[in-house]
Full PDB file with SEQRES, HELIX, SHEET, SSBOND, CRYST1, ORIGX, SCALE, CONECT and MASTER records, all heavy atoms in Angstrom:
SEQRES   1 A   33  GLU ASP ASP GLU PRO ALA ASP THR LEU THR VAL GLY THR          
SEQRES   2 A   33  LEU THR TYR LEU GLY ALA GLY TRP ARG THR ASP GLY ASP          
SEQRES   3 A   33  ALA LEU LEU ALA ASN THR ALA                                  
HELIX    1 AA1 ASP A   24  THR A   32  1                                   9    
CRYST1    1.000    1.000    1.000  90.00  90.00  90.00 P 1           1          
ORIGX1      1.000000  0.000000  0.000000        0.00000                         
ORIGX2      0.000000  1.000000  0.000000        0.00000                         
ORIGX3      0.000000  0.000000  1.000000        0.00000                         
SCALE1      1.000000  0.000000  0.000000        0.00000                         
SCALE2      0.000000  1.000000  0.000000        0.00000                         
SCALE3      0.000000  0.000000  1.000000        0.00000                         
ATOM      1  N   GLU A   1     -42.818  27.129  -1.695  1.00  0.00           N  
ATOM      2  CA  GLU A   1     -43.315  26.972  -3.062  1.00  0.00           C  
ATOM      3  C   GLU A   1     -44.672  26.281  -3.076  1.00  0.00           C  
ATOM      4  O   GLU A   1     -45.527  26.592  -3.904  1.00  0.00           O  
ATOM      5  CB  GLU A   1     -42.315  26.152  -3.887  1.00  0.00           C  
ATOM      6  CG  GLU A   1     -41.264  26.953  -4.603  1.00  0.00           C  
ATOM      7  CD  GLU A   1     -40.517  26.128  -5.628  1.00  0.00           C  
ATOM      8  OE1 GLU A   1     -40.357  24.908  -5.395  1.00  0.00           O  
ATOM      9  OE2 GLU A   1     -40.097  26.669  -6.665  1.00  0.00           O  
ATOM     10  N   ASP A   2     -44.855  25.327  -2.168  1.00  0.00           N  
ATOM     11  CA  ASP A   2     -46.115  24.581  -2.101  1.00  0.00           C  
ATOM     12  C   ASP A   2     -47.170  25.302  -1.268  1.00  0.00           C  
ATOM     13  O   ASP A   2     -48.224  24.708  -0.968  1.00  0.00           O  
ATOM     14  CB  ASP A   2     -45.858  23.192  -1.515  1.00  0.00           C  
ATOM     15  CG  ASP A   2     -44.961  22.352  -2.408  1.00  0.00           C  
ATOM     16  OD1 ASP A   2     -44.897  22.650  -3.608  1.00  0.00           O  
ATOM     17  OD2 ASP A   2     -44.313  21.422  -1.900  1.00  0.00           O  
ATOM     18  N   ASP A   3     -46.892  26.545  -0.858  1.00  0.00           N  
ATOM     19  CA  ASP A   3     -47.831  27.365  -0.074  1.00  0.00           C  
ATOM     20  C   ASP A   3     -48.203  26.707   1.248  1.00  0.00           C  
ATOM     21  O   ASP A   3     -49.341  26.841   1.732  1.00  0.00           O  
ATOM     22  CB  ASP A   3     -49.108  27.655  -0.888  1.00  0.00           C  
ATOM     23  CG  ASP A   3     -48.818  28.484  -2.130  1.00  0.00           C  
ATOM     24  OD1 ASP A   3     -47.890  29.314  -2.083  1.00  0.00           O  
ATOM     25  OD2 ASP A   3     -49.512  28.280  -3.154  1.00  0.00           O  
ATOM     26  N   GLU A   4     -47.275  26.000   1.869  1.00  0.00           N  
ATOM     27  CA  GLU A   4     -47.532  25.417   3.177  1.00  0.00           C  
ATOM     28  C   GLU A   4     -47.374  26.490   4.242  1.00  0.00           C  
ATOM     29  O   GLU A   4     -46.420  27.278   4.209  1.00  0.00           O  
ATOM     30  CB  GLU A   4     -46.561  24.263   3.453  1.00  0.00           C  
ATOM     31  CG  GLU A   4     -46.758  23.066   2.549  1.00  0.00           C  
ATOM     32  CD  GLU A   4     -45.856  21.912   2.963  1.00  0.00           C  
ATOM     33  OE1 GLU A   4     -45.297  21.980   4.081  1.00  0.00           O  
ATOM     34  OE2 GLU A   4     -45.707  20.962   2.179  1.00  0.00           O  
ATOM     35  N   PRO A   5     -48.273  26.572   5.196  1.00  0.00           N  
ATOM     36  CA  PRO A   5     -48.158  27.580   6.266  1.00  0.00           C  
ATOM     37  C   PRO A   5     -46.853  27.414   7.034  1.00  0.00           C  
ATOM     38  O   PRO A   5     -46.435  26.291   7.350  1.00  0.00           O  
ATOM     39  CB  PRO A   5     -49.377  27.301   7.149  1.00  0.00           C  
ATOM     40  CG  PRO A   5     -50.329  26.544   6.277  1.00  0.00           C  
ATOM     41  CD  PRO A   5     -49.482  25.754   5.331  1.00  0.00           C  
ATOM     42  N   ALA A   6     -46.217  28.546   7.347  1.00  0.00           N  
ATOM     43  CA  ALA A   6     -44.932  28.481   8.038  1.00  0.00           C  
ATOM     44  C   ALA A   6     -45.074  27.991   9.474  1.00  0.00           C  
ATOM     45  O   ALA A   6     -44.102  27.493  10.059  1.00  0.00           O  
ATOM     46  CB  ALA A   6     -44.279  29.862   8.024  1.00  0.00           C  
ATOM     47  N   ASP A   7     -46.275  28.135  10.063  1.00  0.00           N  
ATOM     48  CA  ASP A   7     -46.467  27.733  11.459  1.00  0.00           C  
ATOM     49  C   ASP A   7     -47.010  26.314  11.580  1.00  0.00           C  
ATOM     50  O   ASP A   7     -47.520  25.928  12.634  1.00  0.00           O  
ATOM     51  CB  ASP A   7     -47.412  28.717  12.156  1.00  0.00           C  
ATOM     52  CG  ASP A   7     -48.763  28.807  11.447  1.00  0.00           C  
ATOM     53  OD1 ASP A   7     -48.875  28.270  10.328  1.00  0.00           O  
ATOM     54  OD2 ASP A   7     -49.688  29.415  12.008  1.00  0.00           O  
ATOM     55  N   THR A   8     -46.906  25.524  10.501  1.00  0.00           N  
ATOM     56  CA  THR A   8     -47.405  24.151  10.515  1.00  0.00           C  
ATOM     57  C   THR A   8     -46.250  23.176  10.325  1.00  0.00           C  
ATOM     58  O   THR A   8     -45.424  23.352   9.429  1.00  0.00           O  
ATOM     59  CB  THR A   8     -48.450  23.934   9.406  1.00  0.00           C  
ATOM     60  OG1 THR A   8     -49.538  24.833   9.602  1.00  0.00           O  
ATOM     61  CG2 THR A   8     -48.968  22.504   9.426  1.00  0.00           C  
ATOM     62  N   LEU A   9     -46.194  22.180  11.190  1.00  0.00           N  
ATOM     63  CA  LEU A   9     -45.170  21.143  11.096  1.00  0.00           C  
ATOM     64  C   LEU A   9     -45.796  19.868  10.550  1.00  0.00           C  
ATOM     65  O   LEU A   9     -46.935  19.522  10.893  1.00  0.00           O  
ATOM     66  CB  LEU A   9     -44.563  20.864  12.471  1.00  0.00           C  
ATOM     67  CG  LEU A   9     -43.867  22.033  13.174  1.00  0.00           C  
ATOM     68  CD1 LEU A   9     -43.374  21.594  14.549  1.00  0.00           C  
ATOM     69  CD2 LEU A   9     -42.721  22.554  12.337  1.00  0.00           C  
ATOM     70  N   THR A  10     -45.061  19.171   9.694  1.00  0.00           N  
ATOM     71  CA  THR A  10     -45.527  17.892   9.173  1.00  0.00           C  
ATOM     72  C   THR A  10     -44.756  16.772   9.858  1.00  0.00           C  
ATOM     73  O   THR A  10     -43.525  16.712   9.766  1.00  0.00           O  
ATOM     74  CB  THR A  10     -45.320  17.805   7.649  1.00  0.00           C  
ATOM     75  OG1 THR A  10     -46.042  18.875   7.018  1.00  0.00           O  
ATOM     76  CG2 THR A  10     -45.821  16.476   7.111  1.00  0.00           C  
ATOM     77  N   VAL A  11     -45.470  15.924  10.558  1.00  0.00           N  
ATOM     78  CA  VAL A  11     -44.878  14.804  11.301  1.00  0.00           C  
ATOM     79  C   VAL A  11     -45.212  13.522  10.555  1.00  0.00           C  
ATOM     80  O   VAL A  11     -46.387  13.195  10.337  1.00  0.00           O  
ATOM     81  CB  VAL A  11     -45.400  14.743  12.743  1.00  0.00           C  
ATOM     82  CG1 VAL A  11     -44.763  13.576  13.483  1.00  0.00           C  
ATOM     83  CG2 VAL A  11     -45.115  16.060  13.458  1.00  0.00           C  
ATOM     84  N   GLY A  12     -44.198  12.799  10.146  1.00  0.00           N  
ATOM     85  CA  GLY A  12     -44.412  11.558   9.414  1.00  0.00           C  
ATOM     86  C   GLY A  12     -44.152  10.336  10.271  1.00  0.00           C  
ATOM     87  O   GLY A  12     -43.120  10.249  10.943  1.00  0.00           O  
ATOM     88  N   THR A  13     -45.081   9.410  10.275  1.00  0.00           N  
ATOM     89  CA  THR A  13     -44.899   8.103  10.917  1.00  0.00           C  
ATOM     90  C   THR A  13     -44.829   7.090   9.786  1.00  0.00           C  
ATOM     91  O   THR A  13     -45.848   6.561   9.312  1.00  0.00           O  
ATOM     92  CB  THR A  13     -46.066   7.796  11.874  1.00  0.00           C  
ATOM     93  OG1 THR A  13     -46.227   8.884  12.794  1.00  0.00           O  
ATOM     94  CG2 THR A  13     -45.808   6.514  12.647  1.00  0.00           C  
ATOM     95  N   LEU A  14     -43.633   6.828   9.310  1.00  0.00           N  
ATOM     96  CA  LEU A  14     -43.449   6.091   8.068  1.00  0.00           C  
ATOM     97  C   LEU A  14     -42.569   4.869   8.277  1.00  0.00           C  
ATOM     98  O   LEU A  14     -41.701   4.849   9.154  1.00  0.00           O  
ATOM     99  CB  LEU A  14     -42.802   7.001   7.004  1.00  0.00           C  
ATOM    100  CG  LEU A  14     -43.552   8.308   6.695  1.00  0.00           C  
ATOM    101  CD1 LEU A  14     -42.689   9.238   5.855  1.00  0.00           C  
ATOM    102  CD2 LEU A  14     -44.864   7.995   5.984  1.00  0.00           C  
ATOM    103  N   THR A  15     -42.809   3.865   7.478  1.00  0.00           N  
ATOM    104  CA  THR A  15     -41.991   2.658   7.491  1.00  0.00           C  
ATOM    105  C   THR A  15     -41.505   2.361   6.073  1.00  0.00           C  
ATOM    106  O   THR A  15     -42.105   2.788   5.079  1.00  0.00           O  
ATOM    107  CB  THR A  15     -42.787   1.446   8.019  1.00  0.00           C  
ATOM    108  OG1 THR A  15     -43.958   1.267   7.215  1.00  0.00           O  
ATOM    109  CG2 THR A  15     -43.179   1.654   9.468  1.00  0.00           C  
ATOM    110  N   TYR A  16     -40.430   1.617   6.009  1.00  0.00           N  
ATOM    111  CA  TYR A  16     -39.810   1.289   4.723  1.00  0.00           C  
ATOM    112  C   TYR A  16     -40.678   0.285   3.964  1.00  0.00           C  
ATOM    113  O   TYR A  16     -41.096  -0.731   4.506  1.00  0.00           O  
ATOM    114  CB  TYR A  16     -38.421   0.706   4.972  1.00  0.00           C  
ATOM    115  CG  TYR A  16     -37.705   0.224   3.740  1.00  0.00           C  
ATOM    116  CD1 TYR A  16     -37.068   1.120   2.891  1.00  0.00           C  
ATOM    117  CD2 TYR A  16     -37.647  -1.126   3.430  1.00  0.00           C  
ATOM    118  CE1 TYR A  16     -36.396   0.691   1.769  1.00  0.00           C  
ATOM    119  CE2 TYR A  16     -36.968  -1.579   2.313  1.00  0.00           C  
ATOM    120  CZ  TYR A  16     -36.349  -0.662   1.489  1.00  0.00           C  
ATOM    121  OH  TYR A  16     -35.680  -1.106   0.372  1.00  0.00           O  
ATOM    122  N   LEU A  17     -40.932   0.628   2.697  1.00  0.00           N  
ATOM    123  CA  LEU A  17     -41.756  -0.244   1.855  1.00  0.00           C  
ATOM    124  C   LEU A  17     -40.915  -0.941   0.790  1.00  0.00           C  
ATOM    125  O   LEU A  17     -41.172  -2.092   0.447  1.00  0.00           O  
ATOM    126  CB  LEU A  17     -42.868   0.567   1.195  1.00  0.00           C  
ATOM    127  CG  LEU A  17     -43.881  -0.180   0.333  1.00  0.00           C  
ATOM    128  CD1 LEU A  17     -44.644  -1.204   1.177  1.00  0.00           C  
ATOM    129  CD2 LEU A  17     -44.852   0.786  -0.323  1.00  0.00           C  
ATOM    130  N   GLY A  18     -39.943  -0.260   0.252  1.00  0.00           N  
ATOM    131  CA  GLY A  18     -39.108  -0.847  -0.788  1.00  0.00           C  
ATOM    132  C   GLY A  18     -38.213   0.216  -1.400  1.00  0.00           C  
ATOM    133  O   GLY A  18     -38.258   1.394  -1.039  1.00  0.00           O  
ATOM    134  N   ALA A  19     -37.379  -0.192  -2.337  1.00  0.00           N  
ATOM    135  CA  ALA A  19     -36.462   0.719  -3.031  1.00  0.00           C  
ATOM    136  C   ALA A  19     -36.599   0.505  -4.530  1.00  0.00           C  
ATOM    137  O   ALA A  19     -36.793  -0.624  -5.001  1.00  0.00           O  
ATOM    138  CB  ALA A  19     -35.018   0.486  -2.585  1.00  0.00           C  
ATOM    139  N   GLY A  20     -36.512   1.599  -5.271  1.00  0.00           N  
ATOM    140  CA  GLY A  20     -36.603   1.518  -6.719  1.00  0.00           C  
ATOM    141  C   GLY A  20     -37.996   1.859  -7.226  1.00  0.00           C  
ATOM    142  O   GLY A  20     -38.987   1.838  -6.485  1.00  0.00           O  
ATOM    143  N   TRP A  21     -38.066   2.181  -8.511  1.00  0.00           N  
ATOM    144  CA  TRP A  21     -39.361   2.441  -9.145  1.00  0.00           C  
ATOM    145  C   TRP A  21     -40.121   1.141  -9.317  1.00  0.00           C  
ATOM    146  O   TRP A  21     -39.509   0.065  -9.435  1.00  0.00           O  
ATOM    147  CB  TRP A  21     -39.152   3.113 -10.499  1.00  0.00           C  
ATOM    148  CG  TRP A  21     -38.483   4.445 -10.384  1.00  0.00           C  
ATOM    149  CD1 TRP A  21     -37.181   4.731 -10.617  1.00  0.00           C  
ATOM    150  CD2 TRP A  21     -39.097   5.677  -9.989  1.00  0.00           C  
ATOM    151  NE1 TRP A  21     -36.918   6.057 -10.387  1.00  0.00           N  
ATOM    152  CE2 TRP A  21     -38.087   6.673 -10.010  1.00  0.00           C  
ATOM    153  CE3 TRP A  21     -40.389   6.045  -9.638  1.00  0.00           C  
ATOM    154  CZ2 TRP A  21     -38.339   7.998  -9.673  1.00  0.00           C  
ATOM    155  CZ3 TRP A  21     -40.639   7.374  -9.312  1.00  0.00           C  
ATOM    156  CH2 TRP A  21     -39.621   8.327  -9.337  1.00  0.00           C  
ATOM    157  N   ARG A  22     -41.426   1.226  -9.365  1.00  0.00           N  
ATOM    158  CA  ARG A  22     -42.242   0.007  -9.440  1.00  0.00           C  
ATOM    159  C   ARG A  22     -42.044  -0.702 -10.766  1.00  0.00           C  
ATOM    160  O   ARG A  22     -42.040  -1.927 -10.823  1.00  0.00           O  
ATOM    161  CB  ARG A  22     -43.718   0.358  -9.235  1.00  0.00           C  
ATOM    162  CG  ARG A  22     -44.005   0.900  -7.843  1.00  0.00           C  
ATOM    163  CD  ARG A  22     -45.490   1.133  -7.629  1.00  0.00           C  
ATOM    164  NE  ARG A  22     -46.247  -0.122  -7.719  1.00  0.00           N  
ATOM    165  CZ  ARG A  22     -47.575  -0.176  -7.632  1.00  0.00           C  
ATOM    166  NH1 ARG A  22     -48.276   0.946  -7.502  1.00  0.00           N  
ATOM    167  NH2 ARG A  22     -48.201  -1.329  -7.705  1.00  0.00           N  
ATOM    168  N   THR A  23     -41.861   0.076 -11.845  1.00  0.00           N  
ATOM    169  CA  THR A  23     -41.616  -0.525 -13.160  1.00  0.00           C  
ATOM    170  C   THR A  23     -40.556   0.292 -13.884  1.00  0.00           C  
ATOM    171  O   THR A  23     -40.276   1.452 -13.540  1.00  0.00           O  
ATOM    172  CB  THR A  23     -42.895  -0.553 -14.019  1.00  0.00           C  
ATOM    173  OG1 THR A  23     -43.280   0.792 -14.337  1.00  0.00           O  
ATOM    174  CG2 THR A  23     -44.032  -1.265 -13.299  1.00  0.00           C  
ATOM    175  N   ASP A  24     -39.963  -0.295 -14.908  1.00  0.00           N  
ATOM    176  CA  ASP A  24     -38.996   0.435 -15.738  1.00  0.00           C  
ATOM    177  C   ASP A  24     -39.673   1.592 -16.473  1.00  0.00           C  
ATOM    178  O   ASP A  24     -39.050   2.625 -16.723  1.00  0.00           O  
ATOM    179  CB  ASP A  24     -38.347  -0.516 -16.747  1.00  0.00           C  
ATOM    180  CG  ASP A  24     -37.426  -1.518 -16.093  1.00  0.00           C  
ATOM    181  OD1 ASP A  24     -37.012  -1.259 -14.946  1.00  0.00           O  
ATOM    182  OD2 ASP A  24     -37.115  -2.557 -16.717  1.00  0.00           O  
ATOM    183  N   GLY A  25     -40.942   1.416 -16.820  1.00  0.00           N  
ATOM    184  CA  GLY A  25     -41.679   2.498 -17.475  1.00  0.00           C  
ATOM    185  C   GLY A  25     -41.851   3.699 -16.563  1.00  0.00           C  
ATOM    186  O   GLY A  25     -41.722   4.853 -16.996  1.00  0.00           O  
ATOM    187  N   ASP A  26     -42.132   3.455 -15.268  1.00  0.00           N  
ATOM    188  CA  ASP A  26     -42.232   4.555 -14.307  1.00  0.00           C  
ATOM    189  C   ASP A  26     -40.899   5.286 -14.194  1.00  0.00           C  
ATOM    190  O   ASP A  26     -40.853   6.521 -14.121  1.00  0.00           O  
ATOM    191  CB  ASP A  26     -42.644   4.027 -12.935  1.00  0.00           C  
ATOM    192  CG  ASP A  26     -44.118   3.642 -12.886  1.00  0.00           C  
ATOM    193  OD1 ASP A  26     -44.827   3.872 -13.889  1.00  0.00           O  
ATOM    194  OD2 ASP A  26     -44.562   3.107 -11.846  1.00  0.00           O  
ATOM    195  N   ALA A  27     -39.807   4.536 -14.162  1.00  0.00           N  
ATOM    196  CA  ALA A  27     -38.481   5.155 -14.073  1.00  0.00           C  
ATOM    197  C   ALA A  27     -38.222   6.050 -15.281  1.00  0.00           C  
ATOM    198  O   ALA A  27     -37.699   7.167 -15.151  1.00  0.00           O  
ATOM    199  CB  ALA A  27     -37.406   4.078 -13.956  1.00  0.00           C  
ATOM    200  N   LEU A  28     -38.595   5.568 -16.472  1.00  0.00           N  
ATOM    201  CA  LEU A  28     -38.396   6.357 -17.689  1.00  0.00           C  
ATOM    202  C   LEU A  28     -39.168   7.669 -17.630  1.00  0.00           C  
ATOM    203  O   LEU A  28     -38.631   8.747 -17.917  1.00  0.00           O  
ATOM    204  CB  LEU A  28     -38.842   5.533 -18.898  1.00  0.00           C  
ATOM    205  CG  LEU A  28     -38.903   6.291 -20.231  1.00  0.00           C  
ATOM    206  CD1 LEU A  28     -37.507   6.681 -20.676  1.00  0.00           C  
ATOM    207  CD2 LEU A  28     -39.610   5.449 -21.285  1.00  0.00           C  
ATOM    208  N   LEU A  29     -40.440   7.593 -17.235  1.00  0.00           N  
ATOM    209  CA  LEU A  29     -41.272   8.797 -17.211  1.00  0.00           C  
ATOM    210  C   LEU A  29     -40.801   9.799 -16.151  1.00  0.00           C  
ATOM    211  O   LEU A  29     -40.690  10.998 -16.416  1.00  0.00           O  
ATOM    212  CB  LEU A  29     -42.724   8.406 -16.947  1.00  0.00           C  
ATOM    213  CG  LEU A  29     -43.400   7.582 -18.051  1.00  0.00           C  
ATOM    214  CD1 LEU A  29     -44.726   7.036 -17.555  1.00  0.00           C  
ATOM    215  CD2 LEU A  29     -43.602   8.438 -19.290  1.00  0.00           C  
ATOM    216  N   ALA A  30     -40.528   9.323 -14.948  1.00  0.00           N  
ATOM    217  CA  ALA A  30     -40.115  10.217 -13.868  1.00  0.00           C  
ATOM    218  C   ALA A  30     -38.771  10.863 -14.168  1.00  0.00           C  
ATOM    219  O   ALA A  30     -38.575  12.068 -13.941  1.00  0.00           O  
ATOM    220  CB  ALA A  30     -40.060   9.448 -12.548  1.00  0.00           C  
ATOM    221  N   ASN A  31     -37.835  10.094 -14.690  1.00  0.00           N  
ATOM    222  CA  ASN A  31     -36.507  10.643 -14.985  1.00  0.00           C  
ATOM    223  C   ASN A  31     -36.556  11.622 -16.151  1.00  0.00           C  
ATOM    224  O   ASN A  31     -35.840  12.627 -16.164  1.00  0.00           O  
ATOM    225  CB  ASN A  31     -35.527   9.511 -15.294  1.00  0.00           C  
ATOM    226  CG  ASN A  31     -35.266   8.630 -14.085  1.00  0.00           C  
ATOM    227  OD1 ASN A  31     -35.576   9.004 -12.959  1.00  0.00           O  
ATOM    228  ND2 ASN A  31     -34.714   7.451 -14.306  1.00  0.00           N  
ATOM    229  N   THR A  32     -37.400  11.344 -17.140  1.00  0.00           N  
ATOM    230  CA  THR A  32     -37.541  12.271 -18.263  1.00  0.00           C  
ATOM    231  C   THR A  32     -38.142  13.591 -17.801  1.00  0.00           C  
ATOM    232  O   THR A  32     -37.693  14.677 -18.199  1.00  0.00           O  
ATOM    233  CB  THR A  32     -38.419  11.646 -19.358  1.00  0.00           C  
ATOM    234  OG1 THR A  32     -37.839  10.407 -19.791  1.00  0.00           O  
ATOM    235  CG2 THR A  32     -38.540  12.580 -20.551  1.00  0.00           C  
ATOM    236  N   ALA A  33     -39.163  13.517 -16.952  1.00  0.00           N  
ATOM    237  CA  ALA A  33     -39.768  14.742 -16.432  1.00  0.00           C  
ATOM    238  C   ALA A  33     -38.759  15.547 -15.605  1.00  0.00           C  
ATOM    239  O   ALA A  33     -38.727  16.776 -15.668  1.00  0.00           O  
ATOM    240  CB  ALA A  33     -40.989  14.391 -15.583  1.00  0.00           C  
TER     241      ALA A  33                                                      
MASTER        0    0    0    1    0    0    0    6  240    1    0    3          
END                                                                             
């Protein structure tokens, strides 16, 4: 759907930052959408 090439792999080097939305307003907007 995002038109990513099928022959391309995405490798993530990620660390945990936190859990939950940053604000209650962000949660409202994201959940409504």
